[in-house]
Every structure is written in structure tokens, then in C-alpha cells.
Amino acid sequence: MKKDSAKTKKTVLKKCRWLVIPIALLTLAFILISHRPGRYNPVKVVDNNQGLNDAIARSPQPIRLHNITLSDAQVIFTPDQIILMATARAQPVDFVITAELNPIIDQHGLLNIHVNRVALGAIKITGLAKWIAASAYSNWLSSTGTDPNNLAARVCQSLLNDEPFEPVFEVSGKRLQVEQMQLAREMVKLRLIPVSDQSHQP
């Protein structure tokens, strides 16, 4: 009887060991995903406060993508890149999603917005994020009838496929092109030049 009891205990211990490994991995994954970056500090709406993050805080939120709700967006400028951060709510847990972008204007004057990294918490999900975004982009084009050559669509194509585009914007009825872009700590410097309609005709 004692031998049988000892064998049973050993079997139970072995099974417990095999259970501990997946539980530990799941716990570690949850800790990494739920990691909140220290620099994530979205601006709350404050009267008379100026700046891009204040404007973002005043914009319509949240944004819903499938079963995920994005809110509390924040933009951080560094000398190397633009960092976008937001809270992704997927009940019952909230996560912080981070996208690191590297915008470059090439010698032809075209802007490319390269996605360096996308992370959910502390876990890199760049490939998965691009795949989900590509599906959402395709649905947006088909459901809205949006012209793939308009500015918003070209920005999406640059983010998804590294496709450069002409950085021409219309402001107060005038067409302006971003000729130079310089990233700095907490700011981005743009040099804009006027563009005539004739120069953009085929």
C-alpha cells in the first residue's frame, strides 16, 4: 500500500510540474501585455492648454476597431521618431498599444511614414498589427467608397506598405507641400512651400 501511495504522489507531482510551466508562461505573457510604459501620460482636457496632445484630447473619442476600443491617445516627438500611444480596451482588461514611426522625406520630395515597431504592452506585434490594419483599411475603402489616391488613403498605404506619397495638404484653400521635416524633442519642425494646381496636373 505504501509503494502504491508513493507512486501516486510521484504521478501527482509530475502532473503538477507540467501544469506549472504553462501557468507561469501565461502569467508572464499577461504581465508583458499589461505593461504600462512609463512615458505614457495622455493629456486630459484643460481649458486654455495648447498643443497637439490637448487637441487630441478634445477630439472625438473613443475609436472602435472591431472588438477593441482605442482611447486616451498621446503623441510623443523625439529626435528619432514619432511615438503614438493609446489605451486599447478589450473587456475585461485594458492594454497600452504603442506605435513608433519614422517619417522621411526622400530626395524626390516624397514622404514615407515607416512603422518601426508596434507593441501591445511590452510585446512586439508589428506584423500582426499591420495585418489587422490592412484588413481594416480594405474594409474602410470598400464600405466608404474612398478613393485610394486621396490623402488619407495614401497615408494608410505608406504606414502599411512603406509607399511614399506627395505630402501636399490644403489649408484655408491653399495647397501647401511639406518640403522639410525635422523631428526634435517634444516638437516637429515643418517647412511648407506653396504649390500651384498646374504643377500637380498630369
C-alpha atoms as a PDB file:
ATOM      1  CA  MET A   1       0.000   0.000   0.000  1.00  0.00           C
ATOM      2  CA  LYS A   2       2.864   2.365   0.875  1.00  0.00           C
ATOM      3  CA  LYS A   3       4.508   1.748  -2.526  1.00  0.00           C
ATOM      4  CA  ASP A   4       1.233   2.485  -4.326  1.00  0.00           C
ATOM      5  CA  SER A   5       0.784   5.656  -2.285  1.00  0.00           C
ATOM      6  CA  ALA A   6       4.334   6.809  -3.116  1.00  0.00           C
ATOM      7  CA  LYS A   7       3.756   6.137  -6.834  1.00  0.00           C
ATOM      8  CA  THR A   8       0.521   8.120  -6.742  1.00  0.00           C
ATOM      9  CA  LYS A   9       2.280  11.061  -5.076  1.00  0.00           C
ATOM     10  CA  LYS A  10       5.042  10.988  -7.702  1.00  0.00           C
ATOM     11  CA  THR A  11       2.479  10.934 -10.506  1.00  0.00           C
ATOM     12  CA  VAL A  12       0.596  13.859  -8.988  1.00  0.00           C
ATOM     13  CA  LEU A  13       3.847  15.820  -8.567  1.00  0.00           C
ATOM     14  CA  LYS A  14       4.813  15.196 -12.209  1.00  0.00           C
ATOM     15  CA  LYS A  15       1.408  16.387 -13.393  1.00  0.00           C
ATOM     16  CA  CYS A  16       1.681  19.478 -11.189  1.00  0.00           C
ATOM     17  CA  ARG A  17       5.091  20.286 -12.688  1.00  0.00           C
ATOM     18  CA  TRP A  18       3.679  20.150 -16.208  1.00  0.00           C
ATOM     19  CA  LEU A  19       0.830  22.452 -15.115  1.00  0.00           C
ATOM     20  CA  VAL A  20       3.193  24.971 -13.522  1.00  0.00           C
ATOM     21  CA  ILE A  21       5.046  25.649 -16.801  1.00  0.00           C
ATOM     22  CA  PRO A  22       2.037  26.806 -18.884  1.00  0.00           C
ATOM     23  CA  ILE A  23       0.624  28.751 -15.923  1.00  0.00           C
ATOM     24  CA  ALA A  24       3.966  30.532 -15.480  1.00  0.00           C
ATOM     25  CA  LEU A  25       4.147  31.315 -19.215  1.00  0.00           C
ATOM     26  CA  LEU A  26       0.584  32.652 -19.227  1.00  0.00           C
ATOM     27  CA  THR A  27       1.339  34.780 -16.187  1.00  0.00           C
ATOM     28  CA  LEU A  28       4.481  36.161 -17.816  1.00  0.00           C
ATOM     29  CA  ALA A  29       2.606  36.899 -21.052  1.00  0.00           C
ATOM     30  CA  PHE A  30      -0.121  38.725 -19.124  1.00  0.00           C
ATOM     31  CA  ILE A  31       2.475  40.797 -17.243  1.00  0.00           C
ATOM     32  CA  LEU A  32       4.205  41.746 -20.523  1.00  0.00           C
ATOM     33  CA  ILE A  33       0.953  42.585 -22.315  1.00  0.00           C
ATOM     34  CA  SER A  34      -0.417  44.614 -19.397  1.00  0.00           C
ATOM     35  CA  HIS A  35       2.862  46.569 -19.056  1.00  0.00           C
ATOM     36  CA  ARG A  36       2.220  50.323 -18.979  1.00  0.00           C
ATOM     37  CA  PRO A  37       5.146  52.338 -20.435  1.00  0.00           C
ATOM     38  CA  GLY A  38       6.395  54.989 -18.044  1.00  0.00           C
ATOM     39  CA  ARG A  39       6.238  57.754 -20.684  1.00  0.00           C
ATOM     40  CA  TYR A  40       2.558  57.107 -21.386  1.00  0.00           C
ATOM     41  CA  ASN A  41       0.745  60.056 -19.821  1.00  0.00           C
ATOM     42  CA  PRO A  42      -2.196  61.125 -22.026  1.00  0.00           C
ATOM     43  CA  VAL A  43      -3.270  64.744 -21.682  1.00  0.00           C
ATOM     44  CA  LYS A  44      -6.619  65.405 -20.063  1.00  0.00           C
ATOM     45  CA  VAL A  45      -8.664  68.294 -21.448  1.00  0.00           C
ATOM     46  CA  VAL A  46      -7.638  71.507 -19.678  1.00  0.00           C
ATOM     47  CA  ASP A  47      -9.008  74.959 -20.557  1.00  0.00           C
ATOM     48  CA  ASN A  48      -6.555  77.222 -22.391  1.00  0.00           C
ATOM     49  CA  ASN A  49      -3.989  74.436 -22.734  1.00  0.00           C
ATOM     50  CA  GLN A  50      -2.265  74.489 -26.121  1.00  0.00           C
ATOM     51  CA  GLY A  51      -0.595  71.754 -28.147  1.00  0.00           C
ATOM     52  CA  LEU A  52      -1.178  68.659 -30.259  1.00  0.00           C
ATOM     53  CA  ASN A  53      -1.972  66.337 -27.342  1.00  0.00           C
ATOM     54  CA  ASP A  54      -4.545  68.792 -25.995  1.00  0.00           C
ATOM     55  CA  ALA A  55      -6.170  68.859 -29.447  1.00  0.00           C
ATOM     56  CA  ILE A  56      -6.179  65.046 -29.464  1.00  0.00           C
ATOM     57  CA  ALA A  57      -7.787  65.013 -26.015  1.00  0.00           C
ATOM     58  CA  ARG A  58     -10.559  67.286 -27.316  1.00  0.00           C
ATOM     59  CA  SER A  59     -11.162  65.184 -30.432  1.00  0.00           C
ATOM     60  CA  PRO A  60     -13.995  62.621 -30.603  1.00  0.00           C
ATOM     61  CA  GLN A  61     -13.038  59.522 -28.618  1.00  0.00           C
ATOM     62  CA  PRO A  62     -13.079  56.584 -28.266  1.00  0.00           C
ATOM     63  CA  ILE A  63     -12.346  54.972 -31.637  1.00  0.00           C
ATOM     64  CA  ARG A  64     -13.739  51.464 -32.168  1.00  0.00           C
ATOM     65  CA  LEU A  65     -11.960  48.876 -34.317  1.00  0.00           C
ATOM     66  CA  HIS A  66     -13.792  45.563 -34.364  1.00  0.00           C
ATOM     67  CA  ASN A  67     -13.954  44.461 -30.697  1.00  0.00           C
ATOM     68  CA  ILE A  68     -11.249  46.853 -29.500  1.00  0.00           C
ATOM     69  CA  THR A  69     -11.830  50.410 -28.286  1.00  0.00           C
ATOM     70  CA  LEU A  70      -8.978  52.933 -28.509  1.00  0.00           C
ATOM     71  CA  SER A  71      -8.906  55.989 -26.247  1.00  0.00           C
ATOM     72  CA  ASP A  72      -6.605  58.360 -24.338  1.00  0.00           C
ATOM     73  CA  ALA A  73      -4.285  58.866 -27.317  1.00  0.00           C
ATOM     74  CA  GLN A  74      -0.903  60.543 -26.913  1.00  0.00           C
ATOM     75  CA  VAL A  75       1.795  61.694 -29.361  1.00  0.00           C
ATOM     76  CA  ILE A  76       5.457  61.942 -28.342  1.00  0.00           C
ATOM     77  CA  PHE A  77       8.083  63.567 -30.564  1.00  0.00           C
ATOM     78  CA  THR A  78      11.730  62.528 -30.184  1.00  0.00           C
ATOM     79  CA  PRO A  79      14.768  63.398 -32.334  1.00  0.00           C
ATOM     80  CA  ASP A  80      14.465  59.988 -33.997  1.00  0.00           C
ATOM     81  CA  GLN A  81      10.789  59.154 -34.309  1.00  0.00           C
ATOM     82  CA  ILE A  82       7.147  59.903 -33.611  1.00  0.00           C
ATOM     83  CA  ILE A  83       5.556  57.710 -30.954  1.00  0.00           C
ATOM     84  CA  LEU A  84       1.791  57.177 -30.893  1.00  0.00           C
ATOM     85  CA  MET A  85       0.255  55.635 -27.777  1.00  0.00           C
ATOM     86  CA  ALA A  86      -3.304  54.797 -26.749  1.00  0.00           C
ATOM     87  CA  THR A  87      -5.281  52.623 -24.375  1.00  0.00           C
ATOM     88  CA  ALA A  88      -6.773  49.546 -26.055  1.00  0.00           C
ATOM     89  CA  ARG A  89      -9.815  48.309 -24.187  1.00  0.00           C
ATOM     90  CA  ALA A  90     -10.769  44.674 -24.719  1.00  0.00           C
ATOM     91  CA  GLN A  91     -13.009  43.648 -21.846  1.00  0.00           C
ATOM     92  CA  PRO A  92     -12.216  42.960 -19.094  1.00  0.00           C
ATOM     93  CA  VAL A  93      -8.621  44.262 -19.387  1.00  0.00           C
ATOM     94  CA  ASP A  94      -7.074  47.495 -20.694  1.00  0.00           C
ATOM     95  CA  PHE A  95      -3.739  47.493 -22.516  1.00  0.00           C
ATOM     96  CA  VAL A  96      -1.428  50.216 -23.844  1.00  0.00           C
ATOM     97  CA  ILE A  97      -0.634  49.996 -27.538  1.00  0.00           C
ATOM     98  CA  THR A  98       2.434  51.840 -28.888  1.00  0.00           C
ATOM     99  CA  ALA A  99       3.403  52.611 -32.492  1.00  0.00           C
ATOM    100  CA  GLU A 100       6.856  54.008 -33.298  1.00  0.00           C
ATOM    101  CA  LEU A 101       7.003  55.821 -36.634  1.00  0.00           C
ATOM    102  CA  ASN A 102       9.920  57.174 -38.670  1.00  0.00           C
ATOM    103  CA  PRO A 103       8.752  59.757 -41.254  1.00  0.00           C
ATOM    104  CA  ILE A 104      11.295  60.519 -44.001  1.00  0.00           C
ATOM    105  CA  ILE A 105      11.178  62.896 -46.978  1.00  0.00           C
ATOM    106  CA  ASP A 106      13.301  61.479 -49.793  1.00  0.00           C
ATOM    107  CA  GLN A 107      15.293  63.294 -52.488  1.00  0.00           C
ATOM    108  CA  HIS A 108      12.208  63.422 -54.717  1.00  0.00           C
ATOM    109  CA  GLY A 109      10.210  65.277 -52.067  1.00  0.00           C
ATOM    110  CA  LEU A 110       8.032  62.257 -51.245  1.00  0.00           C
ATOM    111  CA  LEU A 111       7.078  61.412 -47.683  1.00  0.00           C
ATOM    112  CA  ASN A 112       7.281  57.874 -46.341  1.00  0.00           C
ATOM    113  CA  ILE A 113       5.979  57.038 -42.864  1.00  0.00           C
ATOM    114  CA  HIS A 114       7.842  53.881 -41.892  1.00  0.00           C
ATOM    115  CA  VAL A 115       6.468  51.856 -38.977  1.00  0.00           C
ATOM    116  CA  ASN A 116       9.442  50.815 -36.858  1.00  0.00           C
ATOM    117  CA  ARG A 117       7.558  48.933 -34.164  1.00  0.00           C
ATOM    118  CA  VAL A 118       4.112  48.270 -32.773  1.00  0.00           C
ATOM    119  CA  ALA A 119       3.797  46.880 -29.258  1.00  0.00           C
ATOM    120  CA  LEU A 120       0.971  45.707 -27.035  1.00  0.00           C
ATOM    121  CA  GLY A 121       2.253  46.385 -23.559  1.00  0.00           C
ATOM    122  CA  ALA A 122       5.860  45.177 -23.752  1.00  0.00           C
ATOM    123  CA  ILE A 123       5.238  42.607 -26.524  1.00  0.00           C
ATOM    124  CA  LYS A 124       6.146  43.453 -30.132  1.00  0.00           C
ATOM    125  CA  ILE A 125       3.217  42.800 -32.511  1.00  0.00           C
ATOM    126  CA  THR A 126       4.281  44.767 -35.607  1.00  0.00           C
ATOM    127  CA  GLY A 127       3.433  42.057 -38.158  1.00  0.00           C
ATOM    128  CA  LEU A 128       0.093  41.199 -36.550  1.00  0.00           C
ATOM    129  CA  ALA A 129      -0.843  44.876 -36.189  1.00  0.00           C
ATOM    130  CA  LYS A 130      -0.119  45.549 -39.870  1.00  0.00           C
ATOM    131  CA  TRP A 131      -2.182  42.527 -40.904  1.00  0.00           C
ATOM    132  CA  ILE A 132      -5.168  43.699 -38.814  1.00  0.00           C
ATOM    133  CA  ALA A 133      -4.744  47.282 -40.064  1.00  0.00           C
ATOM    134  CA  ALA A 134      -4.593  46.127 -43.699  1.00  0.00           C
ATOM    135  CA  SER A 135      -7.891  44.297 -43.266  1.00  0.00           C
ATOM    136  CA  ALA A 136      -9.492  47.334 -41.597  1.00  0.00           C
ATOM    137  CA  TYR A 137      -8.127  49.606 -44.361  1.00  0.00           C
ATOM    138  CA  SER A 138      -9.563  47.374 -47.089  1.00  0.00           C
ATOM    139  CA  ASN A 139     -12.967  47.332 -45.353  1.00  0.00           C
ATOM    140  CA  TRP A 140     -12.845  51.120 -44.979  1.00  0.00           C
ATOM    141  CA  LEU A 141     -12.159  51.612 -48.696  1.00  0.00           C
ATOM    142  CA  SER A 142     -14.967  49.288 -49.779  1.00  0.00           C
ATOM    143  CA  SER A 143     -17.562  50.481 -47.251  1.00  0.00           C
ATOM    144  CA  THR A 144     -16.970  54.218 -47.780  1.00  0.00           C
ATOM    145  CA  GLY A 145     -16.085  54.206 -51.468  1.00  0.00           C
ATOM    146  CA  THR A 146     -12.965  56.208 -50.628  1.00  0.00           C
ATOM    147  CA  ASP A 147     -10.598  56.988 -53.489  1.00  0.00           C
ATOM    148  CA  PRO A 148      -7.325  55.077 -52.829  1.00  0.00           C
ATOM    149  CA  ASN A 149      -5.443  58.128 -54.158  1.00  0.00           C
ATOM    150  CA  ASN A 150      -6.794  60.612 -51.615  1.00  0.00           C
ATOM    151  CA  LEU A 151      -4.528  61.864 -48.840  1.00  0.00           C
ATOM    152  CA  ALA A 152      -5.890  59.717 -46.001  1.00  0.00           C
ATOM    153  CA  ALA A 153      -5.638  56.579 -48.132  1.00  0.00           C
ATOM    154  CA  ARG A 154      -2.072  57.426 -49.228  1.00  0.00           C
ATOM    155  CA  VAL A 155      -1.055  57.897 -45.580  1.00  0.00           C
ATOM    156  CA  CYS A 156      -2.503  54.464 -44.783  1.00  0.00           C
ATOM    157  CA  GLN A 157      -0.659  52.904 -47.723  1.00  0.00           C
ATOM    158  CA  SER A 158       2.586  54.450 -46.503  1.00  0.00           C
ATOM    159  CA  LEU A 159       2.053  53.091 -42.985  1.00  0.00           C
ATOM    160  CA  LEU A 160       1.133  49.624 -44.226  1.00  0.00           C
ATOM    161  CA  ASN A 161       3.450  49.186 -47.208  1.00  0.00           C
ATOM    162  CA  ASP A 162       6.171  51.858 -46.964  1.00  0.00           C
ATOM    163  CA  GLU A 163       4.731  53.571 -50.054  1.00  0.00           C
ATOM    164  CA  PRO A 164       5.950  57.206 -50.373  1.00  0.00           C
ATOM    165  CA  PHE A 165       3.489  59.939 -51.331  1.00  0.00           C
ATOM    166  CA  GLU A 166       3.396  63.651 -52.101  1.00  0.00           C
ATOM    167  CA  PRO A 167       2.952  65.486 -48.763  1.00  0.00           C
ATOM    168  CA  VAL A 168       0.588  68.121 -50.155  1.00  0.00           C
ATOM    169  CA  PHE A 169      -2.137  69.480 -47.872  1.00  0.00           C
ATOM    170  CA  GLU A 170      -4.875  72.028 -48.346  1.00  0.00           C
ATOM    171  CA  VAL A 171      -5.051  74.688 -45.633  1.00  0.00           C
ATOM    172  CA  SER A 172      -7.550  77.567 -45.854  1.00  0.00           C
ATOM    173  CA  GLY A 173      -7.983  76.991 -49.573  1.00  0.00           C
ATOM    174  CA  LYS A 174      -4.233  76.961 -50.266  1.00  0.00           C
ATOM    175  CA  ARG A 175      -2.204  73.936 -51.301  1.00  0.00           C
ATOM    176  CA  LEU A 176       0.965  73.528 -49.260  1.00  0.00           C
ATOM    177  CA  GLN A 177       3.719  70.939 -49.551  1.00  0.00           C
ATOM    178  CA  VAL A 178       5.947  69.748 -46.719  1.00  0.00           C
ATOM    179  CA  GLU A 179       9.419  70.373 -48.134  1.00  0.00           C
ATOM    180  CA  GLN A 180      11.416  69.580 -44.991  1.00  0.00           C
ATOM    181  CA  MET A 181      10.669  67.804 -41.735  1.00  0.00           C
ATOM    182  CA  GLN A 182      12.831  67.832 -38.643  1.00  0.00           C
ATOM    183  CA  LEU A 183      11.988  65.902 -35.504  1.00  0.00           C
ATOM    184  CA  ALA A 184      13.103  67.250 -32.135  1.00  0.00           C
ATOM    185  CA  ARG A 185      12.309  66.631 -28.502  1.00  0.00           C
ATOM    186  CA  GLU A 186       8.604  67.349 -27.942  1.00  0.00           C
ATOM    187  CA  MET A 187       8.199  69.027 -31.335  1.00  0.00           C
ATOM    188  CA  VAL A 188       8.366  68.630 -35.097  1.00  0.00           C
ATOM    189  CA  LYS A 189       9.540  71.419 -37.418  1.00  0.00           C
ATOM    190  CA  LEU A 190       8.000  71.620 -40.890  1.00  0.00           C
ATOM    191  CA  ARG A 191       8.992  73.778 -43.827  1.00  0.00           C
ATOM    192  CA  LEU A 192       5.984  74.386 -46.047  1.00  0.00           C
ATOM    193  CA  ILE A 193       6.009  75.772 -49.585  1.00  0.00           C
ATOM    194  CA  PRO A 194       3.005  76.827 -51.691  1.00  0.00           C
ATOM    195  CA  VAL A 195       2.050  74.547 -54.576  1.00  0.00           C
ATOM    196  CA  SER A 196       0.205  75.619 -57.689  1.00  0.00           C
ATOM    197  CA  ASP A 197      -2.542  73.439 -59.140  1.00  0.00           C
ATOM    198  CA  GLN A 198      -0.745  73.428 -62.514  1.00  0.00           C
ATOM    199  CA  SER A 199       2.343  71.748 -61.036  1.00  0.00           C
ATOM    200  CA  HIS A 200       0.251  68.735 -59.979  1.00  0.00           C
ATOM    201  CA  GLN A 201      -1.610  68.183 -63.228  1.00  0.00           C
ATOM    202  CA  PRO A 202      -0.625  65.063 -65.222  1.00  0.00           C
END
